[in-house]
Amino acid sequence: MRKLFTADVGSEIAEAALVLPLSFMILLGIYWFGRAFNTYATINQAAREGVRVAIVQNCATCGNSPPTGPQILAAVNSTLQASSVDPNQIVSYSPVYTFCNQLPQPSNCDTTTAVTICNNVLLQNINPSATGLGAPVCGIAISFKYPYSFVVPFTSINNTTILLTADVQMAREF
């Protein structure tokens, strides 16, 4: 005869009741951190596209005028929209840059929109053939922040918003 209270009849159910919610929360955390990384990669790609548009002159027969702020902003917004990231949520971010004192472009930052576009930013050129840093070059920098909210229920990070930063610099092509 088997005794009812001495057997391991319900231990599997009790263990599953403890382990399954924890496993589920870990899986949700992995998902939301993966989404955060994807959003971070998307905003950096959008900033790179904006800088790429900014450094390339439009055409030699048109006078090689540099692209305007709205053209650069359109490139950033189209890249964000292609990945289903809302460009209206961009938060302004203006880091401190050191500027070059050379022509043909003046040293300034356009902060009229949430995307900061800075001309003639002093960039450090890394020369792979030398052991140290190469000669400084001038370029363009685009920077902005984007809010991301975590939704991991029953944790302290539920609905926590962090600001992901995109700050890209490239040398200007003349």
N, C-alpha and C. Protein backbone atom coordinates (compact mmCIF):
# COMPACT_ATOMS: atom_id res chain seq x y z
N MET A 1 0.83 -1.17 0.00
CA MET A 1 0.00 0.00 0.00
C MET A 1 0.88 1.25 0.00
N ARG A 2 0.52 2.18 -0.82
CA ARG A 2 1.29 3.41 -0.98
C ARG A 2 0.74 4.50 -0.08
N LYS A 3 1.65 5.23 0.57
CA LYS A 3 1.23 6.30 1.45
C LYS A 3 1.10 7.58 0.62
N LEU A 4 0.06 8.29 0.85
CA LEU A 4 -0.27 9.46 0.04
C LEU A 4 0.67 10.64 0.27
N PHE A 5 1.04 10.92 1.49
CA PHE A 5 1.82 12.13 1.79
C PHE A 5 3.32 11.91 1.81
N THR A 6 3.79 10.74 1.63
CA THR A 6 5.22 10.49 1.63
C THR A 6 5.77 10.33 0.22
N ALA A 7 4.96 10.23 -0.77
CA ALA A 7 5.42 10.05 -2.15
C ALA A 7 5.73 11.42 -2.79
N ASP A 8 6.43 11.39 -3.92
CA ASP A 8 6.81 12.61 -4.65
C ASP A 8 5.80 12.93 -5.74
N VAL A 9 4.55 12.74 -5.47
CA VAL A 9 3.51 12.87 -6.47
C VAL A 9 3.39 14.30 -6.99
N GLY A 10 3.39 15.31 -6.16
CA GLY A 10 3.16 16.69 -6.59
C GLY A 10 4.40 17.54 -6.70
N SER A 11 5.57 16.97 -6.52
CA SER A 11 6.79 17.79 -6.53
C SER A 11 7.10 18.38 -7.91
N GLU A 12 6.78 17.64 -8.97
CA GLU A 12 7.05 18.17 -10.31
C GLU A 12 6.19 19.39 -10.60
N ILE A 13 4.97 19.38 -10.16
CA ILE A 13 4.07 20.52 -10.38
C ILE A 13 4.56 21.73 -9.60
N ALA A 14 4.99 21.51 -8.38
CA ALA A 14 5.49 22.63 -7.56
C ALA A 14 6.77 23.21 -8.15
N GLU A 15 7.66 22.34 -8.64
CA GLU A 15 8.90 22.83 -9.26
C GLU A 15 8.59 23.60 -10.54
N ALA A 16 7.67 23.11 -11.33
CA ALA A 16 7.29 23.81 -12.56
C ALA A 16 6.65 25.16 -12.24
N ALA A 17 5.88 25.23 -11.17
CA ALA A 17 5.26 26.49 -10.78
C ALA A 17 6.30 27.53 -10.38
N LEU A 18 7.43 27.09 -9.88
CA LEU A 18 8.50 28.01 -9.52
C LEU A 18 9.38 28.38 -10.71
N VAL A 19 9.67 27.43 -11.58
CA VAL A 19 10.65 27.63 -12.65
C VAL A 19 10.04 28.29 -13.89
N LEU A 20 8.82 27.94 -14.26
CA LEU A 20 8.23 28.47 -15.49
C LEU A 20 8.08 30.00 -15.50
N PRO A 21 7.58 30.65 -14.45
CA PRO A 21 7.51 32.12 -14.50
C PRO A 21 8.88 32.77 -14.63
N LEU A 22 9.87 32.22 -13.95
CA LEU A 22 11.23 32.77 -14.06
C LEU A 22 11.77 32.59 -15.47
N SER A 23 11.56 31.42 -16.05
CA SER A 23 12.01 31.18 -17.43
C SER A 23 11.28 32.11 -18.41
N PHE A 24 10.01 32.32 -18.19
CA PHE A 24 9.24 33.21 -19.05
C PHE A 24 9.75 34.65 -18.96
N MET A 25 10.07 35.10 -17.75
CA MET A 25 10.60 36.47 -17.60
C MET A 25 11.97 36.60 -18.25
N ILE A 26 12.80 35.58 -18.17
CA ILE A 26 14.11 35.62 -18.83
C ILE A 26 13.94 35.70 -20.34
N LEU A 27 13.01 34.93 -20.90
CA LEU A 27 12.75 34.98 -22.33
C LEU A 27 12.23 36.35 -22.76
N LEU A 28 11.33 36.94 -21.98
CA LEU A 28 10.84 38.28 -22.29
C LEU A 28 11.96 39.31 -22.22
N GLY A 29 12.83 39.17 -21.23
CA GLY A 29 13.97 40.08 -21.11
C GLY A 29 14.89 39.98 -22.31
N ILE A 30 15.16 38.77 -22.76
CA ILE A 30 16.00 38.58 -23.95
C ILE A 30 15.35 39.24 -25.16
N TYR A 31 14.05 39.08 -25.30
CA TYR A 31 13.34 39.69 -26.43
C TYR A 31 13.44 41.22 -26.38
N TRP A 32 13.16 41.83 -25.22
CA TRP A 32 13.16 43.30 -25.15
C TRP A 32 14.56 43.89 -25.26
N PHE A 33 15.56 43.22 -24.73
CA PHE A 33 16.93 43.71 -24.92
C PHE A 33 17.36 43.54 -26.37
N GLY A 34 16.89 42.49 -27.04
CA GLY A 34 17.15 42.35 -28.47
C GLY A 34 16.49 43.46 -29.28
N ARG A 35 15.27 43.84 -28.91
CA ARG A 35 14.59 44.96 -29.59
C ARG A 35 15.34 46.27 -29.34
N ALA A 36 15.86 46.45 -28.13
CA ALA A 36 16.63 47.66 -27.82
C ALA A 36 17.89 47.71 -28.68
N PHE A 37 18.57 46.59 -28.82
CA PHE A 37 19.77 46.55 -29.66
C PHE A 37 19.43 46.81 -31.12
N ASN A 38 18.31 46.25 -31.58
CA ASN A 38 17.87 46.50 -32.95
C ASN A 38 17.56 47.97 -33.17
N THR A 39 16.89 48.62 -32.22
CA THR A 39 16.58 50.05 -32.34
C THR A 39 17.86 50.87 -32.33
N TYR A 40 18.82 50.49 -31.48
CA TYR A 40 20.10 51.19 -31.43
C TYR A 40 20.83 51.08 -32.78
N ALA A 41 20.86 49.89 -33.35
CA ALA A 41 21.50 49.71 -34.65
C ALA A 41 20.77 50.51 -35.73
N THR A 42 19.46 50.59 -35.66
CA THR A 42 18.68 51.34 -36.65
C THR A 42 18.96 52.83 -36.57
N ILE A 43 19.00 53.40 -35.36
CA ILE A 43 19.24 54.84 -35.28
C ILE A 43 20.67 55.18 -35.68
N ASN A 44 21.62 54.29 -35.43
CA ASN A 44 22.98 54.54 -35.89
C ASN A 44 23.08 54.43 -37.41
N GLN A 45 22.36 53.49 -38.00
CA GLN A 45 22.32 53.40 -39.46
C GLN A 45 21.69 54.65 -40.06
N ALA A 46 20.65 55.17 -39.44
CA ALA A 46 20.00 56.40 -39.92
C ALA A 46 20.97 57.58 -39.84
N ALA A 47 21.72 57.67 -38.75
CA ALA A 47 22.71 58.75 -38.62
C ALA A 47 23.81 58.60 -39.67
N ARG A 48 24.25 57.36 -39.95
CA ARG A 48 25.27 57.14 -40.99
C ARG A 48 24.74 57.54 -42.37
N GLU A 49 23.48 57.22 -42.64
CA GLU A 49 22.90 57.63 -43.93
C GLU A 49 22.81 59.15 -44.04
N GLY A 50 22.46 59.80 -42.94
CA GLY A 50 22.41 61.26 -42.94
C GLY A 50 23.77 61.88 -43.18
N VAL A 51 24.81 61.35 -42.53
CA VAL A 51 26.17 61.85 -42.73
C VAL A 51 26.63 61.57 -44.15
N ARG A 52 26.29 60.40 -44.67
CA ARG A 52 26.69 60.07 -46.05
C ARG A 52 26.09 61.05 -47.03
N VAL A 53 24.82 61.41 -46.84
CA VAL A 53 24.19 62.41 -47.70
C VAL A 53 24.87 63.76 -47.52
N ALA A 54 25.26 64.08 -46.28
CA ALA A 54 25.84 65.39 -46.00
C ALA A 54 27.24 65.56 -46.58
N ILE A 55 28.03 64.48 -46.66
CA ILE A 55 29.40 64.64 -47.13
C ILE A 55 29.54 64.62 -48.64
N VAL A 56 28.55 64.09 -49.33
CA VAL A 56 28.65 63.97 -50.78
C VAL A 56 28.04 65.21 -51.43
N GLN A 57 28.80 65.83 -52.34
CA GLN A 57 28.28 66.98 -53.08
C GLN A 57 27.25 66.47 -54.09
N ASN A 58 26.29 67.34 -54.46
CA ASN A 58 25.18 66.85 -55.28
C ASN A 58 25.56 66.58 -56.74
N CYS A 59 26.22 67.50 -57.42
CA CYS A 59 26.64 67.22 -58.79
C CYS A 59 27.66 68.27 -59.23
N ALA A 60 28.59 67.86 -60.08
CA ALA A 60 29.65 68.77 -60.52
C ALA A 60 29.11 69.84 -61.46
N THR A 61 28.10 69.51 -62.26
CA THR A 61 27.58 70.49 -63.21
C THR A 61 26.63 71.49 -62.54
N CYS A 62 26.21 71.21 -61.29
CA CYS A 62 25.29 72.10 -60.58
C CYS A 62 26.01 73.05 -59.64
N GLY A 63 27.32 73.02 -59.59
CA GLY A 63 28.05 73.91 -58.72
C GLY A 63 28.52 73.27 -57.43
N ASN A 64 28.33 71.95 -57.28
CA ASN A 64 28.77 71.23 -56.09
C ASN A 64 28.33 71.87 -54.78
N SER A 65 27.09 72.27 -54.72
CA SER A 65 26.60 72.84 -53.48
C SER A 65 26.32 71.72 -52.48
N PRO A 66 26.63 71.96 -51.22
CA PRO A 66 26.39 70.90 -50.22
C PRO A 66 24.89 70.70 -49.99
N PRO A 67 24.50 69.52 -49.56
CA PRO A 67 23.08 69.28 -49.27
C PRO A 67 22.59 70.17 -48.12
N THR A 68 21.33 70.47 -48.15
CA THR A 68 20.73 71.32 -47.12
C THR A 68 20.30 70.47 -45.93
N GLY A 69 19.99 71.13 -44.83
CA GLY A 69 19.52 70.44 -43.64
C GLY A 69 18.29 69.59 -43.87
N PRO A 70 17.26 70.10 -44.59
CA PRO A 70 16.09 69.25 -44.86
C PRO A 70 16.41 68.01 -45.69
N GLN A 71 17.37 68.09 -46.60
CA GLN A 71 17.75 66.91 -47.38
C GLN A 71 18.42 65.86 -46.49
N ILE A 72 19.25 66.32 -45.58
CA ILE A 72 19.93 65.41 -44.65
C ILE A 72 18.91 64.80 -43.70
N LEU A 73 18.01 65.62 -43.20
CA LEU A 73 16.97 65.14 -42.29
C LEU A 73 16.05 64.13 -42.98
N ALA A 74 15.76 64.35 -44.25
CA ALA A 74 14.92 63.42 -45.01
C ALA A 74 15.59 62.05 -45.11
N ALA A 75 16.93 62.03 -45.29
CA ALA A 75 17.65 60.76 -45.35
C ALA A 75 17.59 60.02 -44.01
N VAL A 76 17.73 60.76 -42.92
CA VAL A 76 17.65 60.16 -41.59
C VAL A 76 16.24 59.60 -41.36
N ASN A 77 15.23 60.42 -41.65
CA ASN A 77 13.84 60.00 -41.42
C ASN A 77 13.45 58.80 -42.28
N SER A 78 13.89 58.78 -43.53
CA SER A 78 13.50 57.65 -44.40
C SER A 78 14.13 56.35 -43.93
N THR A 79 15.35 56.41 -43.40
CA THR A 79 15.98 55.19 -42.87
C THR A 79 15.26 54.71 -41.61
N LEU A 80 14.87 55.66 -40.76
CA LEU A 80 14.13 55.27 -39.56
C LEU A 80 12.77 54.67 -39.91
N GLN A 81 12.07 55.29 -40.85
CA GLN A 81 10.74 54.80 -41.24
C GLN A 81 10.82 53.44 -41.92
N ALA A 82 11.91 53.17 -42.65
CA ALA A 82 12.06 51.88 -43.31
C ALA A 82 12.16 50.74 -42.30
N SER A 83 12.61 51.04 -41.09
CA SER A 83 12.72 50.03 -40.04
C SER A 83 11.60 50.15 -39.00
N SER A 84 10.56 50.87 -39.33
CA SER A 84 9.40 51.07 -38.45
C SER A 84 9.77 51.72 -37.12
N VAL A 85 10.69 52.67 -37.18
CA VAL A 85 11.05 53.47 -36.01
C VAL A 85 10.49 54.87 -36.26
N ASP A 86 9.75 55.39 -35.29
CA ASP A 86 9.06 56.67 -35.45
C ASP A 86 10.03 57.84 -35.36
N PRO A 87 10.27 58.58 -36.46
CA PRO A 87 11.20 59.72 -36.41
C PRO A 87 10.69 60.89 -35.58
N ASN A 88 9.40 60.92 -35.27
CA ASN A 88 8.85 62.01 -34.47
C ASN A 88 9.25 61.91 -33.00
N GLN A 89 9.80 60.80 -32.58
CA GLN A 89 10.22 60.63 -31.19
C GLN A 89 11.67 61.02 -30.95
N ILE A 90 12.37 61.46 -31.98
CA ILE A 90 13.78 61.84 -31.83
C ILE A 90 13.90 62.98 -30.82
N VAL A 91 14.89 62.85 -29.95
CA VAL A 91 15.17 63.85 -28.94
C VAL A 91 16.47 64.55 -29.31
N SER A 92 16.49 65.88 -29.20
CA SER A 92 17.67 66.66 -29.55
C SER A 92 18.84 66.33 -28.63
N TYR A 93 20.03 66.25 -29.22
CA TYR A 93 21.26 65.98 -28.48
C TYR A 93 22.38 66.71 -29.18
N SER A 94 23.08 67.56 -28.45
CA SER A 94 24.16 68.37 -29.03
C SER A 94 25.44 68.17 -28.22
N PRO A 95 26.28 67.22 -28.62
CA PRO A 95 27.56 67.06 -27.91
C PRO A 95 28.50 68.22 -28.24
N VAL A 96 29.55 68.35 -27.47
CA VAL A 96 30.53 69.41 -27.69
C VAL A 96 31.58 68.90 -28.68
N TYR A 97 31.77 69.65 -29.76
CA TYR A 97 32.74 69.29 -30.79
C TYR A 97 33.83 70.35 -30.87
N THR A 98 35.00 69.93 -31.35
CA THR A 98 36.07 70.86 -31.70
C THR A 98 35.97 71.05 -33.21
N PHE A 99 36.04 72.30 -33.65
CA PHE A 99 35.85 72.61 -35.07
C PHE A 99 37.17 72.95 -35.74
N CYS A 100 37.21 72.71 -37.07
CA CYS A 100 38.35 73.08 -37.90
C CYS A 100 38.21 74.55 -38.28
N ASN A 101 39.32 75.16 -38.63
CA ASN A 101 39.29 76.55 -39.09
C ASN A 101 39.70 76.62 -40.54
N GLN A 102 39.04 75.82 -41.37
CA GLN A 102 39.40 75.83 -42.77
C GLN A 102 38.17 76.02 -43.63
N LEU A 103 38.38 76.48 -44.81
CA LEU A 103 37.30 76.68 -45.78
C LEU A 103 37.14 75.40 -46.58
N PRO A 104 36.14 75.21 -47.38
CA PRO A 104 35.14 76.13 -47.85
C PRO A 104 33.89 76.19 -46.99
N GLN A 105 33.74 75.32 -46.01
CA GLN A 105 32.52 75.29 -45.23
C GLN A 105 32.73 75.99 -43.89
N PRO A 106 31.77 76.80 -43.45
CA PRO A 106 31.89 77.40 -42.13
C PRO A 106 31.67 76.36 -41.03
N SER A 107 32.22 76.63 -39.86
CA SER A 107 32.04 75.75 -38.72
C SER A 107 30.77 76.14 -37.98
N ASN A 108 29.78 75.30 -38.03
CA ASN A 108 28.55 75.59 -37.32
C ASN A 108 27.75 74.31 -37.11
N CYS A 109 26.77 74.41 -36.23
CA CYS A 109 25.86 73.30 -35.98
C CYS A 109 24.44 73.77 -36.25
N ASP A 110 23.70 72.96 -36.99
CA ASP A 110 22.29 73.24 -37.26
C ASP A 110 21.47 72.48 -36.22
N THR A 111 20.88 73.23 -35.31
CA THR A 111 20.07 72.62 -34.25
C THR A 111 18.60 73.02 -34.38
N THR A 112 18.18 73.38 -35.59
CA THR A 112 16.79 73.79 -35.79
C THR A 112 15.83 72.61 -35.70
N THR A 113 16.33 71.40 -35.92
CA THR A 113 15.51 70.20 -35.77
C THR A 113 16.08 69.36 -34.63
N ALA A 114 15.45 68.25 -34.35
CA ALA A 114 15.94 67.38 -33.28
C ALA A 114 17.25 66.69 -33.65
N VAL A 115 17.55 66.61 -34.95
CA VAL A 115 18.81 66.03 -35.41
C VAL A 115 19.84 67.15 -35.52
N THR A 116 20.93 67.04 -34.77
CA THR A 116 21.98 68.05 -34.79
C THR A 116 22.96 67.71 -35.91
N ILE A 117 23.18 68.68 -36.81
CA ILE A 117 24.09 68.51 -37.94
C ILE A 117 25.20 69.54 -37.79
N CYS A 118 26.44 69.09 -37.62
CA CYS A 118 27.57 69.99 -37.41
C CYS A 118 28.56 69.88 -38.57
N ASN A 119 28.95 71.02 -39.14
CA ASN A 119 29.94 71.09 -40.22
C ASN A 119 31.32 71.39 -39.66
N ASN A 120 32.35 70.92 -40.37
CA ASN A 120 33.75 71.16 -40.04
C ASN A 120 34.12 70.74 -38.63
N VAL A 121 33.70 69.55 -38.27
CA VAL A 121 34.08 68.97 -36.98
C VAL A 121 35.48 68.39 -37.14
N LEU A 122 36.34 68.65 -36.17
CA LEU A 122 37.70 68.13 -36.20
C LEU A 122 37.68 66.64 -35.85
N LEU A 123 38.08 65.82 -36.81
CA LEU A 123 38.13 64.37 -36.63
C LEU A 123 39.58 63.94 -36.55
N GLN A 124 39.86 62.92 -35.79
CA GLN A 124 41.22 62.39 -35.73
C GLN A 124 41.33 61.29 -36.76
N ASN A 125 42.24 61.45 -37.70
CA ASN A 125 42.44 60.47 -38.76
C ASN A 125 43.38 59.38 -38.25
N ILE A 126 42.92 58.15 -38.27
CA ILE A 126 43.76 57.04 -37.82
C ILE A 126 44.46 56.46 -39.04
N ASN A 127 45.77 56.52 -39.02
CA ASN A 127 46.59 56.03 -40.12
C ASN A 127 47.03 54.61 -39.79
N PRO A 128 46.55 53.59 -40.51
CA PRO A 128 46.88 52.21 -40.16
C PRO A 128 48.35 51.86 -40.37
N SER A 129 49.09 52.61 -41.22
CA SER A 129 50.48 52.28 -41.46
C SER A 129 51.40 52.83 -40.37
N ALA A 130 50.93 53.80 -39.62
CA ALA A 130 51.74 54.38 -38.55
C ALA A 130 51.36 53.74 -37.22
N THR A 131 52.19 53.99 -36.25
CA THR A 131 51.91 53.43 -34.93
C THR A 131 50.95 54.29 -34.13
N GLY A 132 50.86 55.58 -34.46
CA GLY A 132 50.01 56.48 -33.70
C GLY A 132 48.88 57.03 -34.54
N LEU A 133 48.41 58.17 -34.13
CA LEU A 133 47.30 58.81 -34.83
C LEU A 133 47.83 59.66 -35.97
N GLY A 134 47.06 59.75 -37.04
CA GLY A 134 47.45 60.52 -38.20
C GLY A 134 47.07 61.99 -38.07
N ALA A 135 47.19 62.69 -39.17
CA ALA A 135 46.85 64.11 -39.19
C ALA A 135 45.35 64.30 -39.02
N PRO A 136 44.95 65.36 -38.34
CA PRO A 136 43.52 65.60 -38.17
C PRO A 136 42.86 65.99 -39.50
N VAL A 137 41.62 65.59 -39.66
CA VAL A 137 40.84 65.94 -40.84
C VAL A 137 39.52 66.55 -40.37
N CYS A 138 38.85 67.22 -41.29
CA CYS A 138 37.57 67.85 -40.96
C CYS A 138 36.44 67.03 -41.55
N GLY A 139 35.30 67.06 -40.90
CA GLY A 139 34.16 66.28 -41.37
C GLY A 139 32.86 66.82 -40.86
N ILE A 140 31.86 65.97 -40.92
CA ILE A 140 30.51 66.33 -40.52
C ILE A 140 30.07 65.34 -39.44
N ALA A 141 29.31 65.83 -38.47
CA ALA A 141 28.79 64.99 -37.40
C ALA A 141 27.28 65.15 -37.32
N ILE A 142 26.60 64.05 -37.11
CA ILE A 142 25.15 64.06 -36.89
C ILE A 142 24.91 63.33 -35.57
N SER A 143 24.08 63.93 -34.73
CA SER A 143 23.80 63.31 -33.44
C SER A 143 22.35 63.56 -33.04
N PHE A 144 21.78 62.56 -32.38
CA PHE A 144 20.44 62.66 -31.80
C PHE A 144 20.25 61.51 -30.84
N LYS A 145 19.18 61.57 -30.05
CA LYS A 145 18.83 60.50 -29.12
C LYS A 145 17.43 60.00 -29.46
N TYR A 146 17.18 58.75 -29.07
CA TYR A 146 15.89 58.14 -29.33
C TYR A 146 15.45 57.39 -28.07
N PRO A 147 14.21 57.63 -27.60
CA PRO A 147 13.75 56.94 -26.38
C PRO A 147 13.32 55.50 -26.68
N TYR A 148 13.65 54.62 -25.76
CA TYR A 148 13.23 53.22 -25.87
C TYR A 148 12.68 52.78 -24.52
N SER A 149 11.51 52.18 -24.53
CA SER A 149 10.86 51.73 -23.29
C SER A 149 10.88 50.21 -23.20
N PHE A 150 11.36 49.71 -22.07
CA PHE A 150 11.33 48.28 -21.81
C PHE A 150 9.97 47.91 -21.23
N VAL A 151 9.44 46.77 -21.67
CA VAL A 151 8.19 46.26 -21.13
C VAL A 151 8.46 44.82 -20.68
N VAL A 152 8.93 44.69 -19.46
CA VAL A 152 9.16 43.37 -18.87
C VAL A 152 8.33 43.33 -17.60
N PRO A 153 7.15 42.69 -17.66
CA PRO A 153 6.24 42.73 -16.52
C PRO A 153 6.82 42.07 -15.26
N PHE A 154 6.34 42.53 -14.12
CA PHE A 154 6.70 42.00 -12.81
C PHE A 154 8.17 42.20 -12.46
N THR A 155 8.82 43.19 -13.08
CA THR A 155 10.21 43.49 -12.76
C THR A 155 10.35 44.98 -12.49
N SER A 156 11.51 45.37 -11.99
CA SER A 156 11.75 46.79 -11.70
C SER A 156 12.03 47.59 -12.96
N ILE A 157 12.31 46.93 -14.09
CA ILE A 157 12.58 47.68 -15.33
C ILE A 157 11.35 47.81 -16.21
N ASN A 158 10.18 47.43 -15.72
CA ASN A 158 8.96 47.56 -16.52
C ASN A 158 8.68 49.03 -16.81
N ASN A 159 8.45 49.34 -18.06
CA ASN A 159 8.18 50.70 -18.55
C ASN A 159 9.29 51.69 -18.23
N THR A 160 10.52 51.22 -18.13
CA THR A 160 11.67 52.09 -17.96
C THR A 160 12.09 52.60 -19.32
N THR A 161 12.27 53.91 -19.43
CA THR A 161 12.68 54.49 -20.71
C THR A 161 14.14 54.89 -20.64
N ILE A 162 14.90 54.47 -21.64
CA ILE A 162 16.30 54.89 -21.76
C ILE A 162 16.43 55.66 -23.07
N LEU A 163 17.42 56.54 -23.14
CA LEU A 163 17.68 57.29 -24.36
C LEU A 163 18.88 56.67 -25.07
N LEU A 164 18.64 56.13 -26.25
CA LEU A 164 19.71 55.57 -27.06
C LEU A 164 20.33 56.70 -27.87
N THR A 165 21.66 56.77 -27.92
CA THR A 165 22.36 57.87 -28.56
C THR A 165 22.95 57.44 -29.90
N ALA A 166 22.71 58.27 -30.91
CA ALA A 166 23.34 58.09 -32.22
C ALA A 166 24.25 59.30 -32.45
N ASP A 167 25.53 59.07 -32.64
CA ASP A 167 26.51 60.13 -32.86
C ASP A 167 27.51 59.62 -33.89
N VAL A 168 27.37 60.09 -35.14
CA VAL A 168 28.19 59.58 -36.23
C VAL A 168 28.97 60.72 -36.84
N GLN A 169 30.25 60.47 -37.15
CA GLN A 169 31.12 61.47 -37.77
C GLN A 169 31.80 60.84 -38.98
N MET A 170 31.91 61.62 -40.06
CA MET A 170 32.61 61.18 -41.27
C MET A 170 33.37 62.33 -41.86
N ALA A 171 34.49 61.98 -42.54
CA ALA A 171 35.29 62.99 -43.21
C ALA A 171 34.57 63.48 -44.45
N ARG A 172 34.69 64.76 -44.72
CA ARG A 172 34.04 65.37 -45.87
C ARG A 172 34.80 65.01 -47.15
N GLU A 173 34.04 64.78 -48.22
CA GLU A 173 34.64 64.53 -49.54
C GLU A 173 34.58 65.80 -50.35
N PHE A 174 35.70 66.18 -50.88
CA PHE A 174 35.75 67.39 -51.72
C PHE A 174 36.04 67.02 -53.15
